Amino acid sequence: MKTLVIAAHPNISQSRINKAWLEALSEQRDVTVHELYRVYPDESIDVEKEQARLEAHERIIFQYPFYWYSTPPLLKRWFDDVLQYGWAYGPGGDKMKGKEIGVAVSTYGSAESYQPTGFNRFTIDELLRPVQALANFIDARYIPHFAINDTSNVTDDQLRISQEAYIRYVNADSRIFRY
């Protein structure tokens, strides 16, 4: 399965986690890494190129640090610009139909803080509902998210283990995900 990883980190060179995840994917067959902030530093998105890139892949993973319970601004703009009426939804808008959409996020907060009784009061899965709704709206299939929490306290061993787990997630057989 051809997988497109759309990475949206405003400062990837300063990122320990997201940069390591992308490095881990660099030698994966059938995985294309696309860094939005590197390609579009002026935030002027080439919609036709982005749509062609999406059409060429069966699975799309959005990778980003969790920002105020949401995506970084350029990824939100990418959703708004690229997933157009008549292309992704509406009459004739079937180009994303049946594709798989997943999310890989890094959070500063601990796993415990993303629980109903934790500091954030909601789980990561609950906070990712907008992306799940987006997938549903464009007739794609949402696959369970991948996350690493408490990023400021991740050890080198934990980071290596997360890289290996991320590779497995990105390359996972679709049948392991329940729809």
C-alpha atoms as a PDB file:
ATOM      1  CA  MET A   1       0.000   0.000   0.000  1.00  0.00           C
ATOM      2  CA  LYS A   2       1.367   3.406  -0.955  1.00  0.00           C
ATOM      3  CA  THR A   3       1.362   5.698   2.060  1.00  0.00           C
ATOM      4  CA  LEU A   4       1.724   9.464   2.153  1.00  0.00           C
ATOM      5  CA  VAL A   5       2.898  10.998   5.428  1.00  0.00           C
ATOM      6  CA  ILE A   6       2.020  14.675   5.528  1.00  0.00           C
ATOM      7  CA  ALA A   7       4.198  16.191   8.220  1.00  0.00           C
ATOM      8  CA  ALA A   8       3.180  19.565   9.604  1.00  0.00           C
ATOM      9  CA  HIS A   9       5.750  20.831  12.078  1.00  0.00           C
ATOM     10  CA  PRO A  10       6.545  24.563  11.950  1.00  0.00           C
ATOM     11  CA  ASN A  11      10.117  23.991  13.121  1.00  0.00           C
ATOM     12  CA  ILE A  12      11.091  20.410  12.310  1.00  0.00           C
ATOM     13  CA  SER A  13      14.816  21.085  12.735  1.00  0.00           C
ATOM     14  CA  GLN A  14      14.194  21.827  16.424  1.00  0.00           C
ATOM     15  CA  SER A  15      11.892  18.847  16.918  1.00  0.00           C
ATOM     16  CA  ARG A  16      13.348  15.798  18.568  1.00  0.00           C
ATOM     17  CA  ILE A  17      10.297  13.524  18.200  1.00  0.00           C
ATOM     18  CA  ASN A  18       8.779  14.458  14.834  1.00  0.00           C
ATOM     19  CA  LYS A  19      12.196  14.729  13.203  1.00  0.00           C
ATOM     20  CA  ALA A  20      13.143  11.273  14.509  1.00  0.00           C
ATOM     21  CA  TRP A  21       9.877   9.809  13.207  1.00  0.00           C
ATOM     22  CA  LEU A  22      10.537  11.232   9.735  1.00  0.00           C
ATOM     23  CA  GLU A  23      14.109   9.927   9.780  1.00  0.00           C
ATOM     24  CA  ALA A  24      12.770   6.472  10.645  1.00  0.00           C
ATOM     25  CA  LEU A  25      10.498   6.592   7.597  1.00  0.00           C
ATOM     26  CA  SER A  26      13.188   7.777   5.188  1.00  0.00           C
ATOM     27  CA  GLU A  27      14.112   4.284   4.000  1.00  0.00           C
ATOM     28  CA  GLN A  28      10.633   2.780   3.956  1.00  0.00           C
ATOM     29  CA  ARG A  29       9.433   1.460   0.640  1.00  0.00           C
ATOM     30  CA  ASP A  30       6.064   2.758  -0.547  1.00  0.00           C
ATOM     31  CA  VAL A  31       6.138   5.637   1.955  1.00  0.00           C
ATOM     32  CA  THR A  32       6.319   9.228   0.740  1.00  0.00           C
ATOM     33  CA  VAL A  33       7.118  11.922   3.301  1.00  0.00           C
ATOM     34  CA  HIS A  34       5.791  15.387   2.507  1.00  0.00           C
ATOM     35  CA  GLU A  35       6.789  18.246   4.846  1.00  0.00           C
ATOM     36  CA  LEU A  36       4.272  21.075   4.502  1.00  0.00           C
ATOM     37  CA  TYR A  37       6.273  23.801   6.258  1.00  0.00           C
ATOM     38  CA  ARG A  38       9.381  23.016   4.187  1.00  0.00           C
ATOM     39  CA  VAL A  39       7.497  22.941   0.869  1.00  0.00           C
ATOM     40  CA  TYR A  40       5.235  25.923   1.631  1.00  0.00           C
ATOM     41  CA  PRO A  41       7.198  28.389   3.796  1.00  0.00           C
ATOM     42  CA  ASP A  42       5.028  31.179   2.378  1.00  0.00           C
ATOM     43  CA  GLU A  43       1.877  29.082   3.032  1.00  0.00           C
ATOM     44  CA  SER A  44       0.869  29.354  -0.629  1.00  0.00           C
ATOM     45  CA  ILE A  45      -0.380  25.809  -1.260  1.00  0.00           C
ATOM     46  CA  ASP A  46      -0.294  24.313  -4.762  1.00  0.00           C
ATOM     47  CA  VAL A  47      -3.728  22.688  -4.651  1.00  0.00           C
ATOM     48  CA  GLU A  48      -3.415  20.725  -7.905  1.00  0.00           C
ATOM     49  CA  LYS A  49      -0.072  19.198  -6.855  1.00  0.00           C
ATOM     50  CA  GLU A  50      -1.472  18.311  -3.454  1.00  0.00           C
ATOM     51  CA  GLN A  51      -4.547  16.684  -4.957  1.00  0.00           C
ATOM     52  CA  ALA A  52      -2.423  14.681  -7.413  1.00  0.00           C
ATOM     53  CA  ARG A  53      -0.205  13.572  -4.526  1.00  0.00           C
ATOM     54  CA  LEU A  54      -3.266  12.381  -2.597  1.00  0.00           C
ATOM     55  CA  GLU A  55      -4.658  10.536  -5.603  1.00  0.00           C
ATOM     56  CA  ALA A  56      -1.372   8.602  -5.933  1.00  0.00           C
ATOM     57  CA  HIS A  57      -1.602   7.128  -2.405  1.00  0.00           C
ATOM     58  CA  GLU A  58      -4.023   4.793  -0.634  1.00  0.00           C
ATOM     59  CA  ARG A  59      -3.176   5.757   2.963  1.00  0.00           C
ATOM     60  CA  ILE A  60      -2.576   9.275   4.256  1.00  0.00           C
ATOM     61  CA  ILE A  61      -1.060   9.893   7.690  1.00  0.00           C
ATOM     62  CA  PHE A  62      -1.108  13.409   9.118  1.00  0.00           C
ATOM     63  CA  GLN A  63       1.872  13.792  11.469  1.00  0.00           C
ATOM     64  CA  TYR A  64       2.115  16.806  13.739  1.00  0.00           C
ATOM     65  CA  PRO A  65       2.672  18.074  17.268  1.00  0.00           C
ATOM     66  CA  PHE A  66      -0.616  18.646  19.070  1.00  0.00           C
ATOM     67  CA  TYR A  67      -1.203  22.432  19.137  1.00  0.00           C
ATOM     68  CA  TRP A  68      -3.886  23.723  21.449  1.00  0.00           C
ATOM     69  CA  TYR A  69      -5.842  20.488  20.973  1.00  0.00           C
ATOM     70  CA  SER A  70      -5.668  20.830  17.210  1.00  0.00           C
ATOM     71  CA  THR A  71      -3.412  20.871  14.153  1.00  0.00           C
ATOM     72  CA  PRO A  72      -0.712  23.421  13.358  1.00  0.00           C
ATOM     73  CA  PRO A  73      -2.151  26.313  11.308  1.00  0.00           C
ATOM     74  CA  LEU A  74      -0.675  25.289   7.944  1.00  0.00           C
ATOM     75  CA  LEU A  75      -2.267  21.856   8.137  1.00  0.00           C
ATOM     76  CA  LYS A  76      -5.665  23.421   8.858  1.00  0.00           C
ATOM     77  CA  ARG A  77      -5.171  25.689   5.852  1.00  0.00           C
ATOM     78  CA  TRP A  78      -4.136  22.640   3.784  1.00  0.00           C
ATOM     79  CA  PHE A  79      -7.430  20.926   4.714  1.00  0.00           C
ATOM     80  CA  ASP A  80      -9.377  24.047   3.735  1.00  0.00           C
ATOM     81  CA  ASP A  81      -7.588  24.557   0.408  1.00  0.00           C
ATOM     82  CA  VAL A  82      -6.985  21.002  -0.837  1.00  0.00           C
ATOM     83  CA  LEU A  83     -10.112  19.096   0.152  1.00  0.00           C
ATOM     84  CA  GLN A  84     -12.360  21.010  -2.213  1.00  0.00           C
ATOM     85  CA  TYR A  85     -16.032  20.702  -3.056  1.00  0.00           C
ATOM     86  CA  GLY A  86     -16.377  18.691  -6.256  1.00  0.00           C
ATOM     87  CA  TRP A  87     -13.043  16.984  -5.652  1.00  0.00           C
ATOM     88  CA  ALA A  88     -13.145  15.548  -2.117  1.00  0.00           C
ATOM     89  CA  TYR A  89     -16.884  15.851  -1.436  1.00  0.00           C
ATOM     90  CA  GLY A  90     -20.133  16.956  -3.031  1.00  0.00           C
ATOM     91  CA  PRO A  91     -21.210  16.115  -6.590  1.00  0.00           C
ATOM     92  CA  GLY A  92     -18.279  14.423  -8.325  1.00  0.00           C
ATOM     93  CA  GLY A  93     -16.184  14.777  -5.173  1.00  0.00           C
ATOM     94  CA  ASP A  94     -15.076  11.200  -4.753  1.00  0.00           C
ATOM     95  CA  LYS A  95     -11.282  11.391  -5.026  1.00  0.00           C
ATOM     96  CA  MET A  96     -10.734  10.482  -1.359  1.00  0.00           C
ATOM     97  CA  LYS A  97     -13.341   7.742  -1.261  1.00  0.00           C
ATOM     98  CA  GLY A  98     -12.008   4.572   0.355  1.00  0.00           C
ATOM     99  CA  LYS A  99      -8.599   6.008   1.220  1.00  0.00           C
ATOM    100  CA  GLU A 100      -7.314   5.491   4.748  1.00  0.00           C
ATOM    101  CA  ILE A 101      -6.588   8.484   6.946  1.00  0.00           C
ATOM    102  CA  GLY A 102      -4.577   8.304  10.145  1.00  0.00           C
ATOM    103  CA  VAL A 103      -2.988  10.723  12.570  1.00  0.00           C
ATOM    104  CA  ALA A 104       0.368  10.589  14.350  1.00  0.00           C
ATOM    105  CA  VAL A 105       0.706  13.167  17.113  1.00  0.00           C
ATOM    106  CA  SER A 106       3.216  14.118  19.737  1.00  0.00           C
ATOM    107  CA  THR A 107       2.007  15.764  22.927  1.00  0.00           C
ATOM    108  CA  TYR A 108       3.774  17.678  25.641  1.00  0.00           C
ATOM    109  CA  GLY A 109       1.291  16.387  28.199  1.00  0.00           C
ATOM    110  CA  SER A 110       1.499  12.949  29.745  1.00  0.00           C
ATOM    111  CA  ALA A 111      -0.756  10.073  28.738  1.00  0.00           C
ATOM    112  CA  GLU A 112      -2.485  10.424  32.115  1.00  0.00           C
ATOM    113  CA  SER A 113      -3.298  14.062  31.389  1.00  0.00           C
ATOM    114  CA  TYR A 114      -5.302  12.948  28.340  1.00  0.00           C
ATOM    115  CA  GLN A 115      -7.920  11.028  30.306  1.00  0.00           C
ATOM    116  CA  PRO A 116     -11.411  12.080  31.458  1.00  0.00           C
ATOM    117  CA  THR A 117     -10.077  12.618  34.988  1.00  0.00           C
ATOM    118  CA  GLY A 118      -6.736  14.072  33.835  1.00  0.00           C
ATOM    119  CA  PHE A 119      -5.638  17.659  33.380  1.00  0.00           C
ATOM    120  CA  ASN A 120      -6.981  17.921  29.797  1.00  0.00           C
ATOM    121  CA  ARG A 121     -10.314  16.194  30.621  1.00  0.00           C
ATOM    122  CA  PHE A 122     -10.460  14.470  27.229  1.00  0.00           C
ATOM    123  CA  THR A 123      -8.673  11.565  25.579  1.00  0.00           C
ATOM    124  CA  ILE A 124      -6.523  12.040  22.495  1.00  0.00           C
ATOM    125  CA  ASP A 125      -9.112  10.034  20.563  1.00  0.00           C
ATOM    126  CA  GLU A 126     -11.845  12.463  21.640  1.00  0.00           C
ATOM    127  CA  LEU A 127      -9.720  15.475  20.740  1.00  0.00           C
ATOM    128  CA  LEU A 128      -9.031  13.999  17.287  1.00  0.00           C
ATOM    129  CA  ARG A 129     -12.752  13.816  16.475  1.00  0.00           C
ATOM    130  CA  PRO A 130     -12.497  16.682  13.941  1.00  0.00           C
ATOM    131  CA  VAL A 131     -10.061  14.642  11.812  1.00  0.00           C
ATOM    132  CA  GLN A 132     -12.275  11.580  12.214  1.00  0.00           C
ATOM    133  CA  ALA A 133     -15.274  13.668  11.087  1.00  0.00           C
ATOM    134  CA  LEU A 134     -13.250  15.013   8.143  1.00  0.00           C
ATOM    135  CA  ALA A 135     -12.427  11.439   7.060  1.00  0.00           C
ATOM    136  CA  ASN A 136     -16.075  10.477   7.320  1.00  0.00           C
ATOM    137  CA  PHE A 137     -17.204  13.569   5.385  1.00  0.00           C
ATOM    138  CA  ILE A 138     -14.901  12.800   2.434  1.00  0.00           C
ATOM    139  CA  ASP A 139     -15.802   9.088   2.513  1.00  0.00           C
ATOM    140  CA  ALA A 140     -12.351   7.976   3.659  1.00  0.00           C
ATOM    141  CA  ARG A 141     -11.714   5.442   6.424  1.00  0.00           C
ATOM    142  CA  TYR A 142     -10.195   6.734   9.644  1.00  0.00           C
ATOM    143  CA  ILE A 143      -7.650   4.428  11.225  1.00  0.00           C
ATOM    144  CA  PRO A 144      -6.728   4.627  14.936  1.00  0.00           C
ATOM    145  CA  HIS A 145      -4.182   7.289  15.802  1.00  0.00           C
ATOM    146  CA  PHE A 146      -0.549   6.893  16.815  1.00  0.00           C
ATOM    147  CA  ALA A 147       0.794   9.056  19.637  1.00  0.00           C
ATOM    148  CA  ILE A 148       3.705   9.690  21.918  1.00  0.00           C
ATOM    149  CA  ASN A 149       3.098  11.702  25.057  1.00  0.00           C
ATOM    150  CA  ASP A 150       5.201  13.634  27.541  1.00  0.00           C
ATOM    151  CA  THR A 151       7.705  14.532  24.830  1.00  0.00           C
ATOM    152  CA  SER A 152       9.986  16.562  27.070  1.00  0.00           C
ATOM    153  CA  ASN A 153      10.692  13.442  29.146  1.00  0.00           C
ATOM    154  CA  VAL A 154      11.110  10.827  26.393  1.00  0.00           C
ATOM    155  CA  THR A 155      14.389   8.952  26.793  1.00  0.00           C
ATOM    156  CA  ASP A 156      16.572   7.950  23.864  1.00  0.00           C
ATOM    157  CA  ASP A 157      15.427   4.334  24.288  1.00  0.00           C
ATOM    158  CA  GLN A 158      11.766   5.366  24.335  1.00  0.00           C
ATOM    159  CA  LEU A 159      12.317   7.453  21.223  1.00  0.00           C
ATOM    160  CA  ARG A 160      13.943   4.521  19.401  1.00  0.00           C
ATOM    161  CA  ILE A 161      11.052   2.255  20.423  1.00  0.00           C
ATOM    162  CA  SER A 162       8.532   4.860  19.217  1.00  0.00           C
ATOM    163  CA  GLN A 163      10.340   5.093  15.855  1.00  0.00           C
ATOM    164  CA  GLU A 164      10.050   1.334  15.412  1.00  0.00           C
ATOM    165  CA  ALA A 165       6.399   1.392  16.455  1.00  0.00           C
ATOM    166  CA  TYR A 166       5.720   4.282  14.072  1.00  0.00           C
ATOM    167  CA  ILE A 167       7.187   2.351  11.137  1.00  0.00           C
ATOM    168  CA  ARG A 168       4.894  -0.575  12.027  1.00  0.00           C
ATOM    169  CA  TYR A 169       1.908   1.790  12.257  1.00  0.00           C
ATOM    170  CA  VAL A 170       2.581   3.445   8.905  1.00  0.00           C
ATOM    171  CA  ASN A 171       3.110   0.070   7.189  1.00  0.00           C
ATOM    172  CA  ALA A 172       0.360  -1.819   9.026  1.00  0.00           C
ATOM    173  CA  ASP A 173      -1.920  -4.151   7.123  1.00  0.00           C
ATOM    174  CA  SER A 174      -5.332  -2.493   6.873  1.00  0.00           C
ATOM    175  CA  ARG A 175      -7.019  -5.583   8.244  1.00  0.00           C
ATOM    176  CA  ILE A 176      -5.666  -4.937  11.738  1.00  0.00           C
ATOM    177  CA  PHE A 177      -7.687  -1.722  11.946  1.00  0.00           C
ATOM    178  CA  ARG A 178     -11.370  -2.088  12.755  1.00  0.00           C
ATOM    179  CA  TYR A 179     -13.695   0.161  10.809  1.00  0.00           C
END
